[in-house]
Protein backbone atom coordinates (compact mmCIF):
# COMPACT_ATOMS: atom_id res chain seq x y z
CA UNK A 1 0.00 0.00 0.00
CA UNK A 2 1.45 3.43 -0.94
CA UNK A 3 2.76 5.42 2.02
CA UNK A 4 0.47 8.41 1.31
CA UNK A 5 -2.58 6.18 1.45
CA UNK A 6 -1.37 4.60 4.68
CA UNK A 7 -0.95 8.04 6.24
CA UNK A 8 -4.42 9.05 5.11
CA UNK A 9 -5.97 5.90 6.57
CA UNK A 10 -4.06 6.41 9.80
CA UNK A 11 -5.30 10.00 10.05
CA UNK A 12 -8.88 8.86 9.53
CA UNK A 13 -8.50 6.21 12.24
CA UNK A 14 -7.10 8.79 14.66
CA UNK A 15 -9.92 11.24 14.00
CA UNK A 16 -12.58 8.53 14.31
CA UNK A 17 -11.19 7.33 17.63
CA UNK A 18 -11.04 10.89 18.98
CA UNK A 19 -14.62 11.61 17.85
CA UNK A 20 -15.90 8.44 19.51
CA UNK A 21 -14.07 9.28 22.71
CA UNK A 22 -15.64 12.75 22.79
CA UNK A 23 -19.13 11.25 22.40
CA UNK A 24 -18.67 9.13 25.53
CA UNK A 25 -19.89 11.21 28.45
CA UNK A 26 -17.62 10.41 31.37
CA UNK A 27 -14.98 12.06 33.51
CA UNK A 28 -12.09 10.42 31.63
CA UNK A 29 -12.98 11.93 28.23
CA UNK A 30 -10.23 14.57 28.27
CA UNK A 31 -7.67 11.99 29.34
CA UNK A 32 -8.65 9.55 26.61
CA UNK A 33 -8.68 12.28 23.95
CA UNK A 34 -5.21 13.44 25.02
CA UNK A 35 -3.89 9.87 24.86
CA UNK A 36 -5.39 9.35 21.39
CA UNK A 37 -3.87 12.60 20.13
CA UNK A 38 -0.49 11.75 21.66
CA UNK A 39 -0.49 8.32 19.99
CA UNK A 40 -1.40 9.41 16.48
CA UNK A 41 -0.24 7.41 13.45
CA UNK A 42 2.06 10.25 12.38
CA UNK A 43 5.70 9.16 12.39
CA UNK A 44 6.80 12.14 14.49
CA UNK A 45 7.66 12.60 18.19
CA UNK A 46 4.79 13.01 20.66
CA UNK A 47 3.56 16.58 21.03
CA UNK A 48 4.63 17.74 24.49
CA UNK A 49 1.28 19.47 25.01
CA UNK A 50 -0.57 16.19 25.10
CA UNK A 51 1.93 14.62 27.46
CA UNK A 52 1.55 17.58 29.81
CA UNK A 53 -2.24 17.25 29.73
CA UNK A 54 -2.02 13.53 30.54
CA UNK A 55 0.40 14.11 33.42
CA UNK A 56 -1.72 16.92 34.86
CA UNK A 57 -4.90 14.87 34.76
CA UNK A 58 -3.28 11.86 36.42
CA UNK A 59 -1.79 14.08 39.11
CA UNK A 60 -5.19 15.66 39.80
CA UNK A 61 -7.02 12.45 40.67
CA UNK A 62 -5.69 8.97 41.47
CA UNK A 63 -8.66 7.43 39.63
CA UNK A 64 -7.17 8.67 36.38
CA UNK A 65 -4.15 6.37 36.84
CA UNK A 66 -6.43 3.38 36.35
CA UNK A 67 -8.29 5.04 33.46
CA UNK A 68 -4.99 5.85 31.75
CA UNK A 69 -3.69 2.27 32.05
CA UNK A 70 -6.95 0.92 30.63
CA UNK A 71 -7.03 3.41 27.75
CA UNK A 72 -3.43 2.68 26.75
CA UNK A 73 -4.12 -1.05 27.02
CA UNK A 74 -7.03 -0.72 24.60
CA UNK A 75 -5.02 1.50 22.25
CA UNK A 76 -2.21 -1.05 22.01
CA UNK A 77 -4.51 -4.05 21.63
CA UNK A 78 -6.40 -2.51 18.71
CA UNK A 79 -3.47 -1.52 16.53
CA UNK A 80 -0.78 -3.20 14.47
CA UNK A 81 1.03 0.05 13.78
CA UNK A 82 4.47 0.35 15.36
CA UNK A 83 4.23 4.13 15.66
CA UNK A 84 1.05 3.96 17.74
CA UNK A 85 2.46 1.23 19.97
CA UNK A 86 5.81 2.93 20.51
CA UNK A 87 4.14 6.25 21.38
CA UNK A 88 1.86 4.43 23.82
CA UNK A 89 4.89 2.87 25.50
CA UNK A 90 6.58 6.27 25.67
CA UNK A 91 3.56 7.67 27.51
CA UNK A 92 3.74 4.80 29.99
CA UNK A 93 7.43 5.47 30.52
CA UNK A 94 6.93 9.24 30.88
CA UNK A 95 4.28 8.77 33.59
CA UNK A 96 6.59 6.29 35.26
CA UNK A 97 9.41 8.82 35.16
CA UNK A 98 7.15 11.52 36.56
CA UNK A 99 6.90 9.47 39.73
CA UNK A 100 3.14 8.93 40.00
CA UNK A 101 2.60 6.61 43.01
CA UNK A 102 -0.46 4.82 41.62
CA UNK A 103 0.20 4.34 37.91
CA UNK A 104 2.80 1.50 38.08
CA UNK A 105 0.44 -0.67 40.12
CA UNK A 106 -2.46 0.13 37.82
CA UNK A 107 -0.36 -1.04 34.88
CA UNK A 108 0.40 -4.28 36.70
CA UNK A 109 -3.28 -4.78 37.53
CA UNK A 110 -4.30 -4.10 33.93
CA UNK A 111 -1.71 -6.57 32.65
CA UNK A 112 -2.96 -9.23 35.07
CA UNK A 113 -6.42 -8.70 33.61
CA UNK A 114 -5.06 -9.38 30.12
CA UNK A 115 -4.06 -5.94 28.83
CA UNK A 116 -0.98 -6.15 26.58
CA UNK A 117 0.53 -2.89 27.71
CA UNK A 118 4.08 -4.18 27.95
CA UNK A 119 3.76 -7.83 26.95
CA UNK A 120 4.38 -7.31 23.24
CA UNK A 121 6.64 -10.23 22.40
CA UNK A 122 4.17 -11.30 19.69
CA UNK A 123 3.57 -7.85 18.23
CA UNK A 124 4.08 -7.48 14.50
CA UNK A 125 3.79 -4.28 12.52
CA UNK A 126 1.89 -4.48 9.23
CA UNK A 127 1.98 -0.82 8.29
CA UNK A 128 5.41 -0.48 6.71
CA UNK A 129 6.97 -1.82 3.53
CA UNK A 130 9.89 -3.26 5.53
CA UNK A 131 8.47 -3.55 9.04
CA UNK A 132 10.79 -6.01 10.76
CA UNK A 133 13.25 -3.39 12.07
CA UNK A 134 10.39 -1.54 13.74
CA UNK A 135 8.68 -4.69 14.95
CA UNK A 136 11.93 -5.86 16.55
CA UNK A 137 12.54 -2.51 18.19
CA UNK A 138 9.03 -2.32 19.67
CA UNK A 139 9.31 -5.87 21.01
CA UNK A 140 12.67 -5.18 22.64
CA UNK A 141 11.60 -1.80 24.00
CA UNK A 142 8.49 -3.32 25.61
CA UNK A 143 10.54 -6.22 26.98
CA UNK A 144 12.87 -3.73 28.67
CA UNK A 145 10.10 -2.10 30.64
CA UNK A 146 8.24 -5.37 31.29
CA UNK A 147 11.34 -6.57 33.13
CA UNK A 148 11.49 -3.30 35.07
CA UNK A 149 7.83 -3.64 36.05
CA UNK A 150 8.40 -7.23 37.19
CA UNK A 151 11.34 -6.09 39.30
CA UNK A 152 9.12 -3.36 40.71
CA UNK A 153 6.38 -5.84 41.62
CA UNK A 154 8.93 -8.06 43.35
CA UNK A 155 10.37 -5.11 45.28
CA UNK A 156 7.32 -3.74 47.07
CA UNK A 157 9.40 -1.38 49.16
CA UNK A 158 11.67 -0.23 46.34
CA UNK A 159 11.16 2.65 43.90
CA UNK A 160 11.21 1.83 40.22
CA UNK A 161 14.60 2.98 39.05
CA UNK A 162 13.79 5.17 36.09
CA UNK A 163 15.55 8.44 35.34
CA UNK A 164 13.69 11.31 36.95
CA UNK A 165 11.36 9.43 39.32
CA UNK A 166 13.88 8.01 41.74
CA UNK A 167 14.29 11.21 43.74
CA UNK A 168 10.56 11.78 43.80
CA UNK A 169 9.93 8.31 45.18
CA UNK A 170 12.74 8.80 47.64
CA UNK A 171 11.10 11.97 48.87
CA UNK A 172 7.82 10.14 49.36
CA UNK A 173 9.44 7.30 51.26
CA UNK A 174 11.90 9.51 53.07
CA UNK A 175 13.87 6.59 54.49
CA UNK A 176 16.32 5.37 51.84
CA UNK A 177 19.73 7.02 52.06
CA UNK A 178 21.92 7.89 49.12
CA UNK A 179 24.42 5.25 48.06
CA UNK A 180 27.36 6.63 50.00
CA UNK A 181 25.36 6.46 53.27
CA UNK A 182 24.17 2.87 52.87
CA UNK A 183 25.52 0.13 55.11
CA UNK A 184 26.88 -3.08 53.47
CA UNK A 185 23.70 -5.17 53.96
CA UNK A 186 21.54 -2.51 52.26
CA UNK A 187 24.17 -1.94 49.59
CA UNK A 188 24.22 -5.62 48.70
CA UNK A 189 20.43 -5.67 48.49
CA UNK A 190 20.18 -2.53 46.35
CA UNK A 191 23.04 -3.55 44.01
CA UNK A 192 21.28 -6.86 43.33
CA UNK A 193 18.10 -4.94 42.52
CA UNK A 194 19.88 -2.42 40.27
CA UNK A 195 21.71 -5.19 38.42
CA UNK A 196 18.38 -6.85 37.66
CA UNK A 197 17.17 -3.65 36.08
CA UNK A 198 20.40 -3.14 34.16
CA UNK A 199 20.02 -6.60 32.67
CA UNK A 200 16.48 -5.68 31.60
CA UNK A 201 17.78 -2.74 29.57
CA UNK A 202 18.26 -3.61 25.92
CA UNK A 203 21.93 -3.34 24.91
CA UNK A 204 20.95 -3.82 21.32
CA UNK A 205 19.51 -1.64 18.59
CA UNK A 206 18.28 -2.07 15.06
CA UNK A 207 18.78 -0.46 11.68
CA UNK A 208 15.61 1.59 12.18
CA UNK A 209 17.25 3.49 15.04
CA UNK A 210 19.82 5.01 12.69
CA UNK A 211 17.29 6.82 10.54
CA UNK A 212 14.08 7.28 12.51
CA UNK A 213 13.76 10.17 14.95
CA UNK A 214 10.95 8.59 16.99
CA UNK A 215 13.00 5.45 17.52
CA UNK A 216 16.06 7.48 18.50
CA UNK A 217 14.05 9.41 21.09
CA UNK A 218 12.66 6.23 22.64
CA UNK A 219 16.09 4.60 22.66
CA UNK A 220 17.44 7.68 24.45
CA UNK A 221 14.97 6.96 27.27
CA UNK A 222 16.62 3.55 27.72
CA UNK A 223 20.10 5.06 27.58
CA UNK A 224 19.31 7.69 30.24
CA UNK A 225 18.08 4.97 32.58
CA UNK A 226 21.37 3.11 32.31
CA UNK A 227 23.37 6.23 33.26
CA UNK A 228 22.02 6.24 36.82
CA UNK A 229 22.01 2.47 37.12
CA UNK A 230 25.66 2.29 36.14
CA UNK A 231 26.69 5.07 38.55
CA UNK A 232 24.82 3.56 41.49
CA UNK A 233 26.16 0.05 40.88
CA UNK A 234 29.69 1.37 40.40
CA UNK A 235 29.58 3.57 43.51
CA UNK A 236 28.03 0.80 45.57
CA UNK A 237 30.64 -1.75 44.54
CA UNK A 238 33.44 0.72 45.33
CA UNK A 239 32.09 1.13 48.86
CA UNK A 240 31.76 -2.63 49.33
CA UNK A 241 35.30 -3.24 48.11
CA UNK A 242 36.65 -0.65 50.55
CA UNK A 243 35.39 -2.78 53.42
CA UNK A 244 35.50 -6.16 51.66
CA UNK A 245 38.19 -7.77 53.85
CA UNK A 246 36.26 -6.86 57.01
CA UNK A 247 32.85 -8.14 55.95
CA UNK A 248 31.26 -11.38 57.23
CA UNK A 249 32.04 -14.33 55.00
CA UNK A 250 28.60 -14.57 53.36
CA UNK A 251 28.60 -10.84 52.65
CA UNK A 252 31.99 -11.27 51.00
CA UNK A 253 30.56 -14.04 48.83
CA UNK A 254 27.61 -11.88 47.82
CA UNK A 255 29.84 -8.91 47.07
CA UNK A 256 32.13 -11.11 44.96
CA UNK A 257 29.17 -12.44 42.98
CA UNK A 258 28.01 -8.85 42.36
CA UNK A 259 31.49 -7.95 41.10
CA UNK A 260 31.56 -10.91 38.71
CA UNK A 261 28.12 -9.99 37.43
CA UNK A 262 29.09 -6.33 37.07
CA UNK A 263 32.27 -7.24 35.19
CA UNK A 264 30.21 -8.72 32.37
CA UNK A 265 27.51 -6.05 32.56
CA UNK A 266 29.98 -3.17 32.34
CA UNK A 267 31.66 -4.62 29.24
CA UNK A 268 28.27 -4.95 27.53
CA UNK A 269 27.29 -1.49 28.71
CA UNK A 270 30.45 0.06 27.27
CA UNK A 271 29.71 -1.50 23.87
CA UNK A 272 26.09 -0.33 24.10
CA UNK A 273 27.13 3.26 24.88
CA UNK A 274 29.63 3.30 22.00
CA UNK A 275 26.96 2.06 19.62
CA UNK A 276 24.42 4.64 20.79
CA UNK A 277 26.93 7.48 20.53
CA UNK A 278 27.82 6.39 17.00
CA UNK A 279 24.20 6.70 15.83
CA UNK A 280 23.55 10.01 17.57
CA UNK A 281 21.59 9.01 20.66
CA UNK A 282 22.00 11.96 23.04
CA UNK A 283 25.13 14.03 23.49
CA UNK A 284 28.49 12.32 23.86
CA UNK A 285 29.23 14.48 26.93
CA UNK A 286 26.25 12.94 28.76
CA UNK A 287 27.70 9.44 28.75
CA UNK A 288 29.64 8.28 31.81
CA UNK A 289 33.03 6.67 31.30
CA UNK A 290 32.46 2.99 32.07
CA UNK A 291 35.21 1.62 34.29
CA UNK A 292 35.70 -2.07 33.64
CA UNK A 293 36.40 -4.49 36.49
CA UNK A 294 39.77 -6.13 35.98
CA UNK A 295 40.39 -9.86 35.99
CA UNK A 296 43.16 -9.30 38.54
CA UNK A 297 40.66 -7.86 41.02
CA UNK A 298 38.30 -10.77 40.53
CA UNK A 299 41.16 -13.23 41.08
CA UNK A 300 42.29 -11.43 44.26
CA UNK A 301 38.79 -11.50 45.73
CA UNK A 302 38.41 -15.15 44.77
CA UNK A 303 41.68 -16.12 46.48
CA UNK A 304 40.63 -14.28 49.62
CA UNK A 305 37.33 -16.18 49.67
CA UNK A 306 39.16 -19.50 49.27
CA UNK A 307 41.40 -18.65 52.21
CA UNK A 308 38.41 -17.62 54.30
CA UNK A 309 36.56 -20.82 53.41
CA UNK A 310 39.59 -22.93 54.37
CA UNK A 311 39.88 -21.06 57.66
CA UNK A 312 36.18 -21.59 58.42
CA UNK A 313 36.42 -25.32 57.65
CA UNK A 314 39.49 -25.67 59.84
CA UNK A 315 37.81 -23.75 62.65
CA UNK A 316 34.71 -25.94 62.38
CA UNK A 317 36.78 -29.12 62.57
CA UNK A 318 38.54 -27.86 65.69
CA UNK A 319 35.19 -27.12 67.30
CA UNK A 320 33.98 -30.63 66.49
CA UNK A 321 37.13 -32.17 67.99
CA UNK A 322 36.67 -30.11 71.16
CA UNK A 323 33.10 -31.34 71.48
CA UNK A 324 34.21 -34.95 71.12
CA UNK A 325 36.89 -34.53 73.78
CA UNK A 326 34.27 -33.34 76.21
């Protein structure tokens, strides 16, 4: 189908959906209309006006968080157009970033009821002459945030670690210190959580990202998230290593495992950042310099753990012998 005809059909669909939404007489009309306008079929970035309207409405009444999740769920389920789906996901992410306390749970509830807001592993675009690049990107992008939502649901007391909302959640909770003030047990817990989220971020892109502005903008959202995740993991590991030789044995084991995991993650992250910089995602000056964990450090920590394990075994045997003598 010629691209002009596709655009015309998409415009008609958008206008029809908006008209139907306006006919419905309920309190969520303005919200639904704003979502429909923000997720138009036009292959251009979302108009900031509509995003602002959506954020203001959700902030004004917690009931709108549920209405928004349901509307986006319907929008995604009714389309096979990658532009509409990607814009819908960007709205979800933007509300997430804004720090709304109700919206993440409403998304989870909607997904449990069958809404395919983030579960788009089977999505396929049929609107483009060569759609696979866009289909693949949408699938990966949704998978990234599905993993983050799962981590969120498993961490009831933890904020979702998305650029921009972390400080807002921290202000609401008021009880989680910054990384440098965390004690080793909390550091180990938080590093494990952050590493889960870092693994959920897609360190892969597709040919579409090199030429499409909408894709580049959405990829930038993923990249910004990894900036903070990398810094927190790196700072946390540095603090743990400073006190590594004085930690209890099991804490040493956990810290070592985090270092091994980070060693691989940081190598992949460095490649990901280089790729993103090469295709123009964000400004080069924004990217942190990824410090790789050396093999020598890993070997040193491993030798220390072996010595500690031998000492513990020897100590245990002595205790058993003492008990027998008694």
